[in-house]
């Protein structure tokens, strides 16, 4: 497991009461598990629906929730915005 910085935005920041925190995690799935245990099912569901980036790259460019994390990486949860 690595120590990673987790950044919350929008509704998730309100649900967790934090803008960021440092946790131990090996994958993005571990971060989501932490959110569920620490903040409950509603926060977990909200987190899974957000754009998740590891060091500014979407996890969709890597291995999704199984994206591996290394010491010092940042995991950001951002709202998906749309419009025209």
Protein backbone atom coordinates (compact mmCIF):
# COMPACT_ATOMS: atom_id res chain seq x y z
CA UNK A 1 0.00 0.00 0.00
CA UNK A 2 1.11 3.54 -0.73
CA UNK A 3 0.33 6.83 0.92
CA UNK A 4 -1.79 8.84 -1.54
CA UNK A 5 -3.51 12.21 -1.45
CA UNK A 6 -7.26 12.08 -2.14
CA UNK A 7 -9.01 15.27 -3.29
CA UNK A 8 -12.78 15.67 -3.11
CA UNK A 9 -14.80 18.26 -5.04
CA UNK A 10 -18.43 19.38 -5.21
CA UNK A 11 -21.02 17.20 -3.43
CA UNK A 12 -18.40 14.64 -2.37
CA UNK A 13 -16.47 17.32 -0.46
CA UNK A 14 -19.71 18.19 1.33
CA UNK A 15 -20.48 14.54 2.11
CA UNK A 16 -17.00 13.86 3.50
CA UNK A 17 -16.60 17.24 5.17
CA UNK A 18 -13.12 17.43 3.63
CA UNK A 19 -11.49 18.86 0.54
CA UNK A 20 -8.63 16.35 0.79
CA UNK A 21 -7.03 13.72 2.96
CA UNK A 22 -4.08 11.32 2.89
CA UNK A 23 -4.77 7.58 3.06
CA UNK A 24 -3.08 4.23 2.42
CA UNK A 25 -4.23 2.53 -0.82
CA UNK A 26 -2.85 0.24 -3.52
CA UNK A 27 -5.55 0.87 -6.15
CA UNK A 28 -8.39 3.27 -6.91
CA UNK A 29 -10.72 0.47 -5.73
CA UNK A 30 -9.05 0.71 -2.30
CA UNK A 31 -9.77 4.45 -2.23
CA UNK A 32 -13.44 3.78 -3.04
CA UNK A 33 -13.54 1.16 -0.28
CA UNK A 34 -12.11 3.72 2.16
CA UNK A 35 -14.81 6.22 1.15
CA UNK A 36 -17.55 3.63 1.73
CA UNK A 37 -16.20 2.62 5.15
CA UNK A 38 -15.45 6.14 6.33
CA UNK A 39 -18.37 8.11 4.85
CA UNK A 40 -21.09 5.60 3.94
CA UNK A 41 -22.86 4.19 0.92
CA UNK A 42 -24.18 7.50 -0.43
CA UNK A 43 -20.67 8.97 -0.58
CA UNK A 44 -19.41 5.76 -2.22
CA UNK A 45 -22.11 5.91 -4.91
CA UNK A 46 -21.41 9.60 -5.54
CA UNK A 47 -17.66 8.91 -5.83
CA UNK A 48 -18.18 6.14 -8.40
CA UNK A 49 -20.25 8.50 -10.58
CA UNK A 50 -17.57 11.20 -10.65
CA UNK A 51 -14.63 11.70 -12.99
CA UNK A 52 -11.72 10.05 -11.18
CA UNK A 53 -8.21 11.15 -12.08
CA UNK A 54 -4.86 9.81 -10.89
CA UNK A 55 -2.13 12.41 -11.25
CA UNK A 56 -4.35 14.32 -13.71
CA UNK A 57 -5.08 11.31 -15.98
CA UNK A 58 -8.56 9.78 -16.06
CA UNK A 59 -8.60 6.25 -14.70
CA UNK A 60 -10.38 5.32 -17.93
CA UNK A 61 -7.00 5.74 -19.67
CA UNK A 62 -5.52 3.11 -17.37
CA UNK A 63 -7.18 0.16 -15.64
CA UNK A 64 -10.31 1.82 -14.26
CA UNK A 65 -10.92 1.09 -10.58
CA UNK A 66 -7.96 -1.34 -10.67
CA UNK A 67 -5.50 1.45 -11.54
CA UNK A 68 -2.45 0.94 -9.33
CA UNK A 69 -1.28 3.73 -7.05
CA UNK A 70 2.26 4.59 -5.96
CA UNK A 71 3.60 6.63 -3.07
CA UNK A 72 2.72 10.31 -3.34
CA UNK A 73 0.16 10.02 -6.15
CA UNK A 74 -3.01 12.13 -6.13
CA UNK A 75 -6.49 10.73 -6.68
CA UNK A 76 -9.05 13.40 -7.56
CA UNK A 77 -12.83 13.06 -7.60
CA UNK A 78 -14.40 15.73 -9.82
CA UNK A 79 -17.96 16.28 -11.00
CA UNK A 80 -18.73 15.43 -14.59
CA UNK A 81 -19.76 18.60 -16.40
CA UNK A 82 -21.63 18.80 -19.64
CA UNK A 83 -23.18 21.43 -21.77
CA UNK A 84 -23.27 22.87 -25.15
